Amino acid sequence: MIESFRKNRVGILLMVCSSICVCVGQLLWKLSAEGSFLYLIAGFAIYGVGALAMIVAYKFGKVSVLQPILSLNYILSLVLAATVLKETITLVKCIGVLILLAGVILIAGGDEVTEDASV
């Protein structure tokens, strides 16, 4: 498991950064619904940075490992909703977050690591 994280480290970090940017961009879109054009533009800019980070991340790891990391969007959205928008988080939502987090860790750490047979 640790070897998989090491092997895909750059891609995983870029995907986590992508998730953060995408969630913050979407939060700014939500806040722009109250009439702030600046939030709308900032949301698009940050979301765009997240999309670019995701594209670059694919150069540094397998899609089967990196793509599921985008499930962190759901976790980050829940945290932002609770902290910024003051939405109520239920026990069921917390359990769902823990299950998602466990799945992301298992998938990111489950990449097969093969030994080089030519040596």
PDB file of N, CA and C in Angstrom:
ATOM      1  N   MET A   1       0.829  -1.192   0.000  1.00  0.00           N
ATOM      2  CA  MET A   1       0.000   0.000   0.000  1.00  0.00           C
ATOM      3  C   MET A   1       0.873   1.256   0.000  1.00  0.00           C
ATOM      4  N   ILE A   2       1.876   1.297   0.852  1.00  0.00           N
ATOM      5  CA  ILE A   2       2.769   2.466   0.919  1.00  0.00           C
ATOM      6  C   ILE A   2       3.502   2.663  -0.398  1.00  0.00           C
ATOM      7  N   GLU A   3       3.895   1.559  -1.030  1.00  0.00           N
ATOM      8  CA  GLU A   3       4.617   1.642  -2.299  1.00  0.00           C
ATOM      9  C   GLU A   3       3.735   2.259  -3.391  1.00  0.00           C
ATOM     10  N   SER A   4       2.445   1.947  -3.364  1.00  0.00           N
ATOM     11  CA  SER A   4       1.521   2.520  -4.334  1.00  0.00           C
ATOM     12  C   SER A   4       1.417   4.030  -4.158  1.00  0.00           C
ATOM     13  N   PHE A   5       1.352   4.491  -2.908  1.00  0.00           N
ATOM     14  CA  PHE A   5       1.310   5.931  -2.655  1.00  0.00           C
ATOM     15  C   PHE A   5       2.595   6.586  -3.154  1.00  0.00           C
ATOM     16  N   ARG A   6       3.731   5.932  -2.914  1.00  0.00           N
ATOM     17  CA  ARG A   6       5.011   6.482  -3.356  1.00  0.00           C
ATOM     18  C   ARG A   6       5.066   6.571  -4.880  1.00  0.00           C
ATOM     19  N   LYS A   7       4.609   5.521  -5.528  1.00  0.00           N
ATOM     20  CA  LYS A   7       4.661   5.433  -6.983  1.00  0.00           C
ATOM     21  C   LYS A   7       3.774   6.494  -7.652  1.00  0.00           C
ATOM     22  N   ASN A   8       2.633   6.784  -7.063  1.00  0.00           N
ATOM     23  CA  ASN A   8       1.658   7.714  -7.647  1.00  0.00           C
ATOM     24  C   ASN A   8       1.590   9.046  -6.909  1.00  0.00           C
ATOM     25  N   ARG A   9       2.599   9.344  -6.088  1.00  0.00           N
ATOM     26  CA  ARG A   9       2.570  10.494  -5.178  1.00  0.00           C
ATOM     27  C   ARG A   9       2.224  11.815  -5.865  1.00  0.00           C
ATOM     28  N   VAL A  10       2.912  12.135  -6.932  1.00  0.00           N
ATOM     29  CA  VAL A  10       2.682  13.418  -7.602  1.00  0.00           C
ATOM     30  C   VAL A  10       1.257  13.482  -8.153  1.00  0.00           C
ATOM     31  N   GLY A  11       0.819  12.416  -8.791  1.00  0.00           N
ATOM     32  CA  GLY A  11      -0.537  12.375  -9.326  1.00  0.00           C
ATOM     33  C   GLY A  11      -1.583  12.499  -8.234  1.00  0.00           C
ATOM     34  N   ILE A  12      -1.359  11.805  -7.111  1.00  0.00           N
ATOM     35  CA  ILE A  12      -2.306  11.865  -5.995  1.00  0.00           C
ATOM     36  C   ILE A  12      -2.369  13.284  -5.426  1.00  0.00           C
ATOM     37  N   LEU A  13      -1.220  13.902  -5.229  1.00  0.00           N
ATOM     38  CA  LEU A  13      -1.195  15.267  -4.693  1.00  0.00           C
ATOM     39  C   LEU A  13      -1.888  16.254  -5.636  1.00  0.00           C
ATOM     40  N   LEU A  14      -1.664  16.095  -6.926  1.00  0.00           N
ATOM     41  CA  LEU A  14      -2.320  16.970  -7.895  1.00  0.00           C
ATOM     42  C   LEU A  14      -3.832  16.752  -7.905  1.00  0.00           C
ATOM     43  N   MET A  15      -4.267  15.514  -7.738  1.00  0.00           N
ATOM     44  CA  MET A  15      -5.708  15.231  -7.695  1.00  0.00           C
ATOM     45  C   MET A  15      -6.342  15.814  -6.431  1.00  0.00           C
ATOM     46  N   VAL A  16      -5.638  15.757  -5.322  1.00  0.00           N
ATOM     47  CA  VAL A  16      -6.156  16.361  -4.088  1.00  0.00           C
ATOM     48  C   VAL A  16      -6.260  17.876  -4.272  1.00  0.00           C
ATOM     49  N   CYS A  17      -5.237  18.479  -4.867  1.00  0.00           N
ATOM     50  CA  CYS A  17      -5.288  19.922  -5.155  1.00  0.00           C
ATOM     51  C   CYS A  17      -6.440  20.238  -6.104  1.00  0.00           C
ATOM     52  N   SER A  18      -6.647  19.385  -7.095  1.00  0.00           N
ATOM     53  CA  SER A  18      -7.756  19.563  -8.025  1.00  0.00           C
ATOM     54  C   SER A  18      -9.090  19.534  -7.286  1.00  0.00           C
ATOM     55  N   SER A  19      -9.256  18.577  -6.386  1.00  0.00           N
ATOM     56  CA  SER A  19     -10.504  18.482  -5.618  1.00  0.00           C
ATOM     57  C   SER A  19     -10.754  19.740  -4.795  1.00  0.00           C
ATOM     58  N   ILE A  20      -9.709  20.234  -4.164  1.00  0.00           N
ATOM     59  CA  ILE A  20      -9.839  21.441  -3.343  1.00  0.00           C
ATOM     60  C   ILE A  20     -10.259  22.627  -4.208  1.00  0.00           C
ATOM     61  N   CYS A  21      -9.573  22.802  -5.338  1.00  0.00           N
ATOM     62  CA  CYS A  21      -9.896  23.928  -6.223  1.00  0.00           C
ATOM     63  C   CYS A  21     -11.307  23.822  -6.779  1.00  0.00           C
ATOM     64  N   VAL A  22     -11.705  22.643  -7.195  1.00  0.00           N
ATOM     65  CA  VAL A  22     -13.043  22.451  -7.752  1.00  0.00           C
ATOM     66  C   VAL A  22     -14.105  22.778  -6.701  1.00  0.00           C
ATOM     67  N   CYS A  23     -13.903  22.290  -5.488  1.00  0.00           N
ATOM     68  CA  CYS A  23     -14.899  22.540  -4.428  1.00  0.00           C
ATOM     69  C   CYS A  23     -14.965  24.017  -4.044  1.00  0.00           C
ATOM     70  N   VAL A  24     -13.824  24.665  -3.952  1.00  0.00           N
ATOM     71  CA  VAL A  24     -13.820  26.092  -3.626  1.00  0.00           C
ATOM     72  C   VAL A  24     -14.459  26.882  -4.771  1.00  0.00           C
ATOM     73  N   GLY A  25     -14.158  26.505  -6.014  1.00  0.00           N
ATOM     74  CA  GLY A  25     -14.774  27.172  -7.153  1.00  0.00           C
ATOM     75  C   GLY A  25     -16.290  27.035  -7.133  1.00  0.00           C
ATOM     76  N   GLN A  26     -16.774  25.838  -6.836  1.00  0.00           N
ATOM     77  CA  GLN A  26     -18.221  25.631  -6.771  1.00  0.00           C
ATOM     78  C   GLN A  26     -18.847  26.387  -5.606  1.00  0.00           C
ATOM     79  N   LEU A  27     -18.138  26.467  -4.494  1.00  0.00           N
ATOM     80  CA  LEU A  27     -18.637  27.252  -3.357  1.00  0.00           C
ATOM     81  C   LEU A  27     -18.780  28.716  -3.753  1.00  0.00           C
ATOM     82  N   LEU A  28     -17.793  29.227  -4.477  1.00  0.00           N
ATOM     83  CA  LEU A  28     -17.866  30.619  -4.924  1.00  0.00           C
ATOM     84  C   LEU A  28     -19.032  30.828  -5.890  1.00  0.00           C
ATOM     85  N   TRP A  29     -19.318  29.831  -6.719  1.00  0.00           N
ATOM     86  CA  TRP A  29     -20.490  29.927  -7.588  1.00  0.00           C
ATOM     87  C   TRP A  29     -21.753  30.039  -6.753  1.00  0.00           C
ATOM     88  N   LYS A  30     -21.831  29.218  -5.714  1.00  0.00           N
ATOM     89  CA  LYS A  30     -22.991  29.253  -4.821  1.00  0.00           C
ATOM     90  C   LYS A  30     -23.133  30.635  -4.177  1.00  0.00           C
ATOM     91  N   LEU A  31     -22.010  31.168  -3.707  1.00  0.00           N
ATOM     92  CA  LEU A  31     -22.034  32.489  -3.072  1.00  0.00           C
ATOM     93  C   LEU A  31     -22.370  33.588  -4.074  1.00  0.00           C
ATOM     94  N   SER A  32     -22.042  33.381  -5.343  1.00  0.00           N
ATOM     95  CA  SER A  32     -22.326  34.398  -6.366  1.00  0.00           C
ATOM     96  C   SER A  32     -23.821  34.483  -6.675  1.00  0.00           C
ATOM     97  N   ALA A  33     -24.585  33.486  -6.253  1.00  0.00           N
ATOM     98  CA  ALA A  33     -26.030  33.503  -6.496  1.00  0.00           C
ATOM     99  C   ALA A  33     -26.700  34.678  -5.788  1.00  0.00           C
ATOM    100  N   GLU A  34     -26.015  35.251  -4.805  1.00  0.00           N
ATOM    101  CA  GLU A  34     -26.545  36.414  -4.098  1.00  0.00           C
ATOM    102  C   GLU A  34     -26.222  37.719  -4.833  1.00  0.00           C
ATOM    103  N   GLY A  35     -25.632  37.611  -6.026  1.00  0.00           N
ATOM    104  CA  GLY A  35     -25.435  38.787  -6.849  1.00  0.00           C
ATOM    105  C   GLY A  35     -24.008  39.272  -6.999  1.00  0.00           C
ATOM    106  N   SER A  36     -23.026  38.577  -6.453  1.00  0.00           N
ATOM    107  CA  SER A  36     -21.646  39.032  -6.552  1.00  0.00           C
ATOM    108  C   SER A  36     -20.984  38.460  -7.806  1.00  0.00           C
ATOM    109  N   PHE A  37     -20.772  39.332  -8.776  1.00  0.00           N
ATOM    110  CA  PHE A  37     -20.121  38.933 -10.018  1.00  0.00           C
ATOM    111  C   PHE A  37     -18.670  38.537  -9.770  1.00  0.00           C
ATOM    112  N   LEU A  38     -18.022  39.155  -8.797  1.00  0.00           N
ATOM    113  CA  LEU A  38     -16.634  38.845  -8.467  1.00  0.00           C
ATOM    114  C   LEU A  38     -16.491  37.397  -8.002  1.00  0.00           C
ATOM    115  N   TYR A  39     -17.434  36.925  -7.173  1.00  0.00           N
ATOM    116  CA  TYR A  39     -17.412  35.531  -6.737  1.00  0.00           C
ATOM    117  C   TYR A  39     -17.559  34.584  -7.923  1.00  0.00           C
ATOM    118  N   LEU A  40     -18.396  34.943  -8.871  1.00  0.00           N
ATOM    119  CA  LEU A  40     -18.618  34.113 -10.045  1.00  0.00           C
ATOM    120  C   LEU A  40     -17.335  33.965 -10.858  1.00  0.00           C
ATOM    121  N   ILE A  41     -16.675  35.084 -11.120  1.00  0.00           N
ATOM    122  CA  ILE A  41     -15.431  35.068 -11.899  1.00  0.00           C
ATOM    123  C   ILE A  41     -14.334  34.315 -11.142  1.00  0.00           C
ATOM    124  N   ALA A  42     -14.200  34.586  -9.845  1.00  0.00           N
ATOM    125  CA  ALA A  42     -13.195  33.883  -9.036  1.00  0.00           C
ATOM    126  C   ALA A  42     -13.481  32.387  -9.008  1.00  0.00           C
ATOM    127  N   GLY A  43     -14.751  32.027  -8.935  1.00  0.00           N
ATOM    128  CA  GLY A  43     -15.133  30.617  -8.946  1.00  0.00           C
ATOM    129  C   GLY A  43     -14.702  29.927 -10.225  1.00  0.00           C
ATOM    130  N   PHE A  44     -14.930  30.577 -11.366  1.00  0.00           N
ATOM    131  CA  PHE A  44     -14.500  30.001 -12.638  1.00  0.00           C
ATOM    132  C   PHE A  44     -12.978  29.874 -12.705  1.00  0.00           C
ATOM    133  N   ALA A  45     -12.270  30.873 -12.213  1.00  0.00           N
ATOM    134  CA  ALA A  45     -10.805  30.837 -12.255  1.00  0.00           C
ATOM    135  C   ALA A  45     -10.259  29.691 -11.398  1.00  0.00           C
ATOM    136  N   ILE A  46     -10.757  29.565 -10.189  1.00  0.00           N
ATOM    137  CA  ILE A  46     -10.264  28.519  -9.286  1.00  0.00           C
ATOM    138  C   ILE A  46     -10.671  27.138  -9.792  1.00  0.00           C
ATOM    139  N   TYR A  47     -11.893  27.030 -10.290  1.00  0.00           N
ATOM    140  CA  TYR A  47     -12.346  25.761 -10.859  1.00  0.00           C
ATOM    141  C   TYR A  47     -11.457  25.373 -12.042  1.00  0.00           C
ATOM    142  N   GLY A  48     -11.091  26.362 -12.864  1.00  0.00           N
ATOM    143  CA  GLY A  48     -10.215  26.110 -14.009  1.00  0.00           C
ATOM    144  C   GLY A  48      -8.849  25.611 -13.591  1.00  0.00           C
ATOM    145  N   VAL A  49      -8.305  26.186 -12.524  1.00  0.00           N
ATOM    146  CA  VAL A  49      -7.017  25.705 -11.992  1.00  0.00           C
ATOM    147  C   VAL A  49      -7.146  24.249 -11.563  1.00  0.00           C
ATOM    148  N   GLY A  50      -8.272  23.923 -10.934  1.00  0.00           N
ATOM    149  CA  GLY A  50      -8.508  22.536 -10.517  1.00  0.00           C
ATOM    150  C   GLY A  50      -8.577  21.596 -11.707  1.00  0.00           C
ATOM    151  N   ALA A  51      -9.246  22.021 -12.772  1.00  0.00           N
ATOM    152  CA  ALA A  51      -9.340  21.188 -13.972  1.00  0.00           C
ATOM    153  C   ALA A  51      -7.960  20.976 -14.596  1.00  0.00           C
ATOM    154  N   LEU A  52      -7.157  22.023 -14.631  1.00  0.00           N
ATOM    155  CA  LEU A  52      -5.797  21.879 -15.171  1.00  0.00           C
ATOM    156  C   LEU A  52      -4.942  20.953 -14.310  1.00  0.00           C
ATOM    157  N   ALA A  53      -5.072  21.069 -12.993  1.00  0.00           N
ATOM    158  CA  ALA A  53      -4.324  20.176 -12.091  1.00  0.00           C
ATOM    159  C   ALA A  53      -4.715  18.723 -12.333  1.00  0.00           C
ATOM    160  N   MET A  54      -5.989  18.488 -12.581  1.00  0.00           N
ATOM    161  CA  MET A  54      -6.454  17.126 -12.844  1.00  0.00           C
ATOM    162  C   MET A  54      -5.843  16.586 -14.140  1.00  0.00           C
ATOM    163  N   ILE A  55      -5.826  17.396 -15.167  1.00  0.00           N
ATOM    164  CA  ILE A  55      -5.268  16.967 -16.449  1.00  0.00           C
ATOM    165  C   ILE A  55      -3.789  16.634 -16.305  1.00  0.00           C
ATOM    166  N   VAL A  56      -3.051  17.485 -15.618  1.00  0.00           N
ATOM    167  CA  VAL A  56      -1.619  17.239 -15.413  1.00  0.00           C
ATOM    168  C   VAL A  56      -1.404  16.000 -14.547  1.00  0.00           C
ATOM    169  N   ALA A  57      -2.276  15.774 -13.576  1.00  0.00           N
ATOM    170  CA  ALA A  57      -2.131  14.635 -12.665  1.00  0.00           C
ATOM    171  C   ALA A  57      -2.112  13.313 -13.417  1.00  0.00           C
ATOM    172  N   TYR A  58      -2.867  13.231 -14.500  1.00  0.00           N
ATOM    173  CA  TYR A  58      -2.937  11.974 -15.242  1.00  0.00           C
ATOM    174  C   TYR A  58      -1.595  11.568 -15.845  1.00  0.00           C
ATOM    175  N   LYS A  59      -0.660  12.506 -15.953  1.00  0.00           N
ATOM    176  CA  LYS A  59       0.684  12.165 -16.431  1.00  0.00           C
ATOM    177  C   LYS A  59       1.487  11.420 -15.365  1.00  0.00           C
ATOM    178  N   PHE A  60       1.052  11.495 -14.108  1.00  0.00           N
ATOM    179  CA  PHE A  60       1.857  10.989 -13.002  1.00  0.00           C
ATOM    180  C   PHE A  60       1.238   9.808 -12.269  1.00  0.00           C
ATOM    181  N   GLY A  61       0.314   9.120 -12.892  1.00  0.00           N
ATOM    182  CA  GLY A  61      -0.272   7.960 -12.232  1.00  0.00           C
ATOM    183  C   GLY A  61      -1.324   7.307 -13.097  1.00  0.00           C
ATOM    184  N   LYS A  62      -1.809   6.186 -12.611  1.00  0.00           N
ATOM    185  CA  LYS A  62      -2.831   5.440 -13.335  1.00  0.00           C
ATOM    186  C   LYS A  62      -4.207   6.050 -13.099  1.00  0.00           C
ATOM    187  N   VAL A  63      -5.022   6.032 -14.139  1.00  0.00           N
ATOM    188  CA  VAL A  63      -6.381   6.551 -14.035  1.00  0.00           C
ATOM    189  C   VAL A  63      -7.158   5.773 -12.977  1.00  0.00           C
ATOM    190  N   SER A  64      -6.923   4.467 -12.893  1.00  0.00           N
ATOM    191  CA  SER A  64      -7.656   3.633 -11.932  1.00  0.00           C
ATOM    192  C   SER A  64      -7.343   4.002 -10.490  1.00  0.00           C
ATOM    193  N   VAL A  65      -6.224   4.650 -10.264  1.00  0.00           N
ATOM    194  CA  VAL A  65      -5.855   5.121  -8.923  1.00  0.00           C
ATOM    195  C   VAL A  65      -6.289   6.570  -8.731  1.00  0.00           C
ATOM    196  N   LEU A  66      -6.059   7.406  -9.731  1.00  0.00           N
ATOM    197  CA  LEU A  66      -6.274   8.845  -9.582  1.00  0.00           C
ATOM    198  C   LEU A  66      -7.737   9.265  -9.670  1.00  0.00           C
ATOM    199  N   GLN A  67      -8.494   8.680 -10.583  1.00  0.00           N
ATOM    200  CA  GLN A  67      -9.880   9.111 -10.786  1.00  0.00           C
ATOM    201  C   GLN A  67     -10.738   8.962  -9.524  1.00  0.00           C
ATOM    202  N   PRO A  68     -10.643   7.859  -8.787  1.00  0.00           N
ATOM    203  CA  PRO A  68     -11.456   7.744  -7.564  1.00  0.00           C
ATOM    204  C   PRO A  68     -11.120   8.786  -6.495  1.00  0.00           C
ATOM    205  N   ILE A  69      -9.941   9.377  -6.572  1.00  0.00           N
ATOM    206  CA  ILE A  69      -9.566  10.405  -5.599  1.00  0.00           C
ATOM    207  C   ILE A  69     -10.477  11.624  -5.734  1.00  0.00           C
ATOM    208  N   LEU A  70     -11.069  11.800  -6.893  1.00  0.00           N
ATOM    209  CA  LEU A  70     -11.999  12.915  -7.072  1.00  0.00           C
ATOM    210  C   LEU A  70     -13.244  12.763  -6.205  1.00  0.00           C
ATOM    211  N   SER A  71     -13.440  11.586  -5.616  1.00  0.00           N
ATOM    212  CA  SER A  71     -14.535  11.404  -4.651  1.00  0.00           C
ATOM    213  C   SER A  71     -14.333  12.277  -3.423  1.00  0.00           C
ATOM    214  N   LEU A  72     -13.108  12.773  -3.244  1.00  0.00           N
ATOM    215  CA  LEU A  72     -12.855  13.708  -2.150  1.00  0.00           C
ATOM    216  C   LEU A  72     -13.700  14.967  -2.310  1.00  0.00           C
ATOM    217  N   ASN A  73     -14.159  15.240  -3.533  1.00  0.00           N
ATOM    218  CA  ASN A  73     -15.036  16.400  -3.757  1.00  0.00           C
ATOM    219  C   ASN A  73     -16.248  16.349  -2.843  1.00  0.00           C
ATOM    220  N   TYR A  74     -16.820  15.169  -2.676  1.00  0.00           N
ATOM    221  CA  TYR A  74     -18.015  15.036  -1.835  1.00  0.00           C
ATOM    222  C   TYR A  74     -17.684  15.359  -0.378  1.00  0.00           C
ATOM    223  N   ILE A  75     -16.531  14.905   0.063  1.00  0.00           N
ATOM    224  CA  ILE A  75     -16.114  15.143   1.449  1.00  0.00           C
ATOM    225  C   ILE A  75     -15.833  16.628   1.657  1.00  0.00           C
ATOM    226  N   LEU A  76     -15.068  17.213   0.741  1.00  0.00           N
ATOM    227  CA  LEU A  76     -14.725  18.628   0.864  1.00  0.00           C
ATOM    228  C   LEU A  76     -15.962  19.517   0.746  1.00  0.00           C
ATOM    229  N   SER A  77     -16.886  19.138  -0.115  1.00  0.00           N
ATOM    230  CA  SER A  77     -18.126  19.913  -0.253  1.00  0.00           C
ATOM    231  C   SER A  77     -18.919  19.903   1.049  1.00  0.00           C
ATOM    232  N   LEU A  78     -18.947  18.759   1.707  1.00  0.00           N
ATOM    233  CA  LEU A  78     -19.657  18.652   2.973  1.00  0.00           C
ATOM    234  C   LEU A  78     -18.998  19.532   4.044  1.00  0.00           C
ATOM    235  N   VAL A  79     -17.680  19.508   4.087  1.00  0.00           N
ATOM    236  CA  VAL A  79     -16.950  20.320   5.067  1.00  0.00           C
ATOM    237  C   VAL A  79     -17.174  21.804   4.795  1.00  0.00           C
ATOM    238  N   LEU A  80     -17.092  22.216   3.535  1.00  0.00           N
ATOM    239  CA  LEU A  80     -17.323  23.624   3.195  1.00  0.00           C
ATOM    240  C   LEU A  80     -18.760  24.040   3.476  1.00  0.00           C
ATOM    241  N   ALA A  81     -19.703  23.146   3.201  1.00  0.00           N
ATOM    242  CA  ALA A  81     -21.112  23.457   3.475  1.00  0.00           C
ATOM    243  C   ALA A  81     -21.328  23.688   4.967  1.00  0.00           C
ATOM    244  N   ALA A  82     -20.673  22.891   5.790  1.00  0.00           N
ATOM    245  CA  ALA A  82     -20.837  23.026   7.240  1.00  0.00           C
ATOM    246  C   ALA A  82     -20.137  24.270   7.769  1.00  0.00           C
ATOM    247  N   THR A  83     -18.918  24.535   7.284  1.00  0.00           N
ATOM    248  CA  THR A  83     -18.137  25.635   7.850  1.00  0.00           C
ATOM    249  C   THR A  83     -18.506  26.994   7.270  1.00  0.00           C
ATOM    250  N   VAL A  84     -18.696  27.066   5.962  1.00  0.00           N
ATOM    251  CA  VAL A  84     -18.935  28.358   5.327  1.00  0.00           C
ATOM    252  C   VAL A  84     -20.432  28.680   5.247  1.00  0.00           C
ATOM    253  N   LEU A  85     -21.207  27.689   4.841  1.00  0.00           N
ATOM    254  CA  LEU A  85     -22.637  27.933   4.639  1.00  0.00           C
ATOM    255  C   LEU A  85     -23.485  27.600   5.864  1.00  0.00           C
ATOM    256  N   LYS A  86     -22.842  27.075   6.889  1.00  0.00           N
ATOM    257  CA  LYS A  86     -23.514  26.745   8.166  1.00  0.00           C
ATOM    258  C   LYS A  86     -24.648  25.724   7.983  1.00  0.00           C
ATOM    259  N   GLU A  87     -24.463  24.781   7.053  1.00  0.00           N
ATOM    260  CA  GLU A  87     -25.445  23.724   6.859  1.00  0.00           C
ATOM    261  C   GLU A  87     -25.281  22.664   7.944  1.00  0.00           C
ATOM    262  N   THR A  88     -26.350  21.975   8.254  1.00  0.00           N
ATOM    263  CA  THR A  88     -26.334  20.942   9.284  1.00  0.00           C
ATOM    264  C   THR A  88     -25.800  19.638   8.707  1.00  0.00           C
ATOM    265  N   ILE A  89     -24.889  19.024   9.440  1.00  0.00           N
ATOM    266  CA  ILE A  89     -24.315  17.743   9.030  1.00  0.00           C
ATOM    267  C   ILE A  89     -24.840  16.669   9.977  1.00  0.00           C
ATOM    268  N   THR A  90     -25.493  15.669   9.403  1.00  0.00           N
ATOM    269  CA  THR A  90     -26.091  14.613  10.209  1.00  0.00           C
ATOM    270  C   THR A  90     -25.098  13.469  10.427  1.00  0.00           C
ATOM    271  N   LEU A  91     -25.445  12.584  11.336  1.00  0.00           N
ATOM    272  CA  LEU A  91     -24.624  11.403  11.604  1.00  0.00           C
ATOM    273  C   LEU A  91     -24.504  10.533  10.356  1.00  0.00           C
ATOM    274  N   VAL A  92     -25.581  10.398   9.619  1.00  0.00           N
ATOM    275  CA  VAL A  92     -25.558   9.588   8.394  1.00  0.00           C
ATOM    276  C   VAL A  92     -24.560  10.171   7.385  1.00  0.00           C
ATOM    277  N   LYS A  93     -24.534  11.492   7.261  1.00  0.00           N
ATOM    278  CA  LYS A  93     -23.574  12.128   6.352  1.00  0.00           C
ATOM    279  C   LYS A  93     -22.143  11.884   6.825  1.00  0.00           C
ATOM    280  N   CYS A  94     -21.911  11.942   8.116  1.00  0.00           N
ATOM    281  CA  CYS A  94     -20.575  11.689   8.665  1.00  0.00           C
ATOM    282  C   CYS A  94     -20.134  10.256   8.387  1.00  0.00           C
ATOM    283  N   ILE A  95     -21.047   9.310   8.538  1.00  0.00           N
ATOM    284  CA  ILE A  95     -20.728   7.911   8.241  1.00  0.00           C
ATOM    285  C   ILE A  95     -20.414   7.755   6.750  1.00  0.00           C
ATOM    286  N   GLY A  96     -21.187   8.418   5.902  1.00  0.00           N
ATOM    287  CA  GLY A  96     -20.925   8.383   4.469  1.00  0.00           C
ATOM    288  C   GLY A  96     -19.556   8.933   4.127  1.00  0.00           C
ATOM    289  N   VAL A  97     -19.160  10.011   4.787  1.00  0.00           N
ATOM    290  CA  VAL A  97     -17.839  10.605   4.568  1.00  0.00           C
ATOM    291  C   VAL A  97     -16.741   9.616   4.966  1.00  0.00           C
ATOM    292  N   LEU A  98     -16.908   8.948   6.080  1.00  0.00           N
ATOM    293  CA  LEU A  98     -15.907   7.972   6.525  1.00  0.00           C
ATOM    294  C   LEU A  98     -15.788   6.811   5.538  1.00  0.00           C
ATOM    295  N   ILE A  99     -16.916   6.351   5.017  1.00  0.00           N
ATOM    296  CA  ILE A  99     -16.889   5.268   4.034  1.00  0.00           C
ATOM    297  C   ILE A  99     -16.202   5.721   2.749  1.00  0.00           C
ATOM    298  N   LEU A 100     -16.532   6.929   2.287  1.00  0.00           N
ATOM    299  CA  LEU A 100     -15.868   7.471   1.091  1.00  0.00           C
ATOM    300  C   LEU A 100     -14.366   7.602   1.302  1.00  0.00           C
ATOM    301  N   LEU A 101     -13.978   8.130   2.450  1.00  0.00           N
ATOM    302  CA  LEU A 101     -12.558   8.310   2.751  1.00  0.00           C
ATOM    303  C   LEU A 101     -11.831   6.974   2.782  1.00  0.00           C
ATOM    304  N   ALA A 102     -12.441   5.975   3.388  1.00  0.00           N
ATOM    305  CA  ALA A 102     -11.834   4.635   3.433  1.00  0.00           C
ATOM    306  C   ALA A 102     -11.677   4.083   2.017  1.00  0.00           C
ATOM    307  N   GLY A 103     -12.696   4.276   1.183  1.00  0.00           N
ATOM    308  CA  GLY A 103     -12.618   3.796  -0.192  1.00  0.00           C
ATOM    309  C   GLY A 103     -11.514   4.472  -0.983  1.00  0.00           C
ATOM    310  N   VAL A 104     -11.385   5.777  -0.821  1.00  0.00           N
ATOM    311  CA  VAL A 104     -10.331   6.517  -1.532  1.00  0.00           C
ATOM    312  C   VAL A 104      -8.952   6.011  -1.095  1.00  0.00           C
ATOM    313  N   ILE A 105      -8.772   5.814   0.194  1.00  0.00           N
ATOM    314  CA  ILE A 105      -7.483   5.330   0.701  1.00  0.00           C
ATOM    315  C   ILE A 105      -7.180   3.934   0.165  1.00  0.00           C
ATOM    316  N   LEU A 106      -8.180   3.054   0.181  1.00  0.00           N
ATOM    317  CA  LEU A 106      -7.965   1.690  -0.305  1.00  0.00           C
ATOM    318  C   LEU A 106      -7.661   1.653  -1.795  1.00  0.00           C
ATOM    319  N   ILE A 107      -8.361   2.469  -2.567  1.00  0.00           N
ATOM    320  CA  ILE A 107      -8.121   2.469  -4.014  1.00  0.00           C
ATOM    321  C   ILE A 107      -6.773   3.111  -4.339  1.00  0.00           C
ATOM    322  N   ALA A 108      -6.456   4.230  -3.718  1.00  0.00           N
ATOM    323  CA  ALA A 108      -5.172   4.901  -3.988  1.00  0.00           C
ATOM    324  C   ALA A 108      -4.004   4.037  -3.533  1.00  0.00           C
ATOM    325  N   GLY A 109      -4.185   3.264  -2.491  1.00  0.00           N
ATOM    326  CA  GLY A 109      -3.107   2.416  -1.986  1.00  0.00           C
ATOM    327  C   GLY A 109      -3.106   1.022  -2.553  1.00  0.00           C
ATOM    328  N   GLY A 110      -4.075   0.717  -3.422  1.00  0.00           N
ATOM    329  CA  GLY A 110      -4.199  -0.639  -3.928  1.00  0.00           C
ATOM    330  C   GLY A 110      -3.610  -0.870  -5.295  1.00  0.00           C
ATOM    331  N   ASP A 111      -2.842   0.075  -5.798  1.00  0.00           N
ATOM    332  CA  ASP A 111      -2.222  -0.089  -7.106  1.00  0.00           C
ATOM    333  C   ASP A 111      -1.203  -1.203  -7.028  1.00  0.00           C
ATOM    334  N   GLU A 112      -1.245  -2.081  -8.008  1.00  0.00           N
ATOM    335  CA  GLU A 112      -0.277  -3.182  -7.991  1.00  0.00           C
ATOM    336  C   GLU A 112       1.115  -2.655  -8.292  1.00  0.00           C
ATOM    337  N   VAL A 113       2.060  -3.136  -7.524  1.00  0.00           N
ATOM    338  CA  VAL A 113       3.453  -2.751  -7.712  1.00  0.00           C
ATOM    339  C   VAL A 113       4.190  -3.990  -8.162  1.00  0.00           C
ATOM    340  N   THR A 114       4.716  -3.945  -9.371  1.00  0.00           N
ATOM    341  CA  THR A 114       5.396  -5.119  -9.914  1.00  0.00           C
ATOM    342  C   THR A 114       6.896  -4.910  -9.885  1.00  0.00           C
ATOM    343  N   GLU A 115       7.585  -6.003  -9.692  1.00  0.00           N
ATOM    344  CA  GLU A 115       9.047  -5.961  -9.711  1.00  0.00           C
ATOM    345  C   GLU A 115       9.497  -6.013 -11.161  1.00  0.00           C
ATOM    346  N   ASP A 116      10.605  -5.397 -11.475  1.00  0.00           N
ATOM    347  CA  ASP A 116      11.151  -5.415 -12.811  1.00  0.00           C
ATOM    348  C   ASP A 116      11.815  -6.767 -13.037  1.00  0.00           C
ATOM    349  N   ALA A 117      11.266  -7.584 -13.935  1.00  0.00           N
ATOM    350  CA  ALA A 117      11.744  -8.945 -14.161  1.00  0.00           C
ATOM    351  C   ALA A 117      13.011  -8.966 -15.021  1.00  0.00           C
ATOM    352  N   SER A 118      13.379  -7.841 -15.632  1.00  0.00           N
ATOM    353  CA  SER A 118      14.532  -7.849 -16.521  1.00  0.00           C
ATOM    354  C   SER A 118      15.864  -7.728 -15.805  1.00  0.00           C
ATOM    355  N   VAL A 119      15.841  -7.532 -14.499  1.00  0.00           N
ATOM    356  CA  VAL A 119      17.095  -7.341 -13.763  1.00  0.00           C
ATOM    357  C   VAL A 119      17.670  -8.649 -13.332  1.00  0.00           C
TER     358      VAL A 119
END
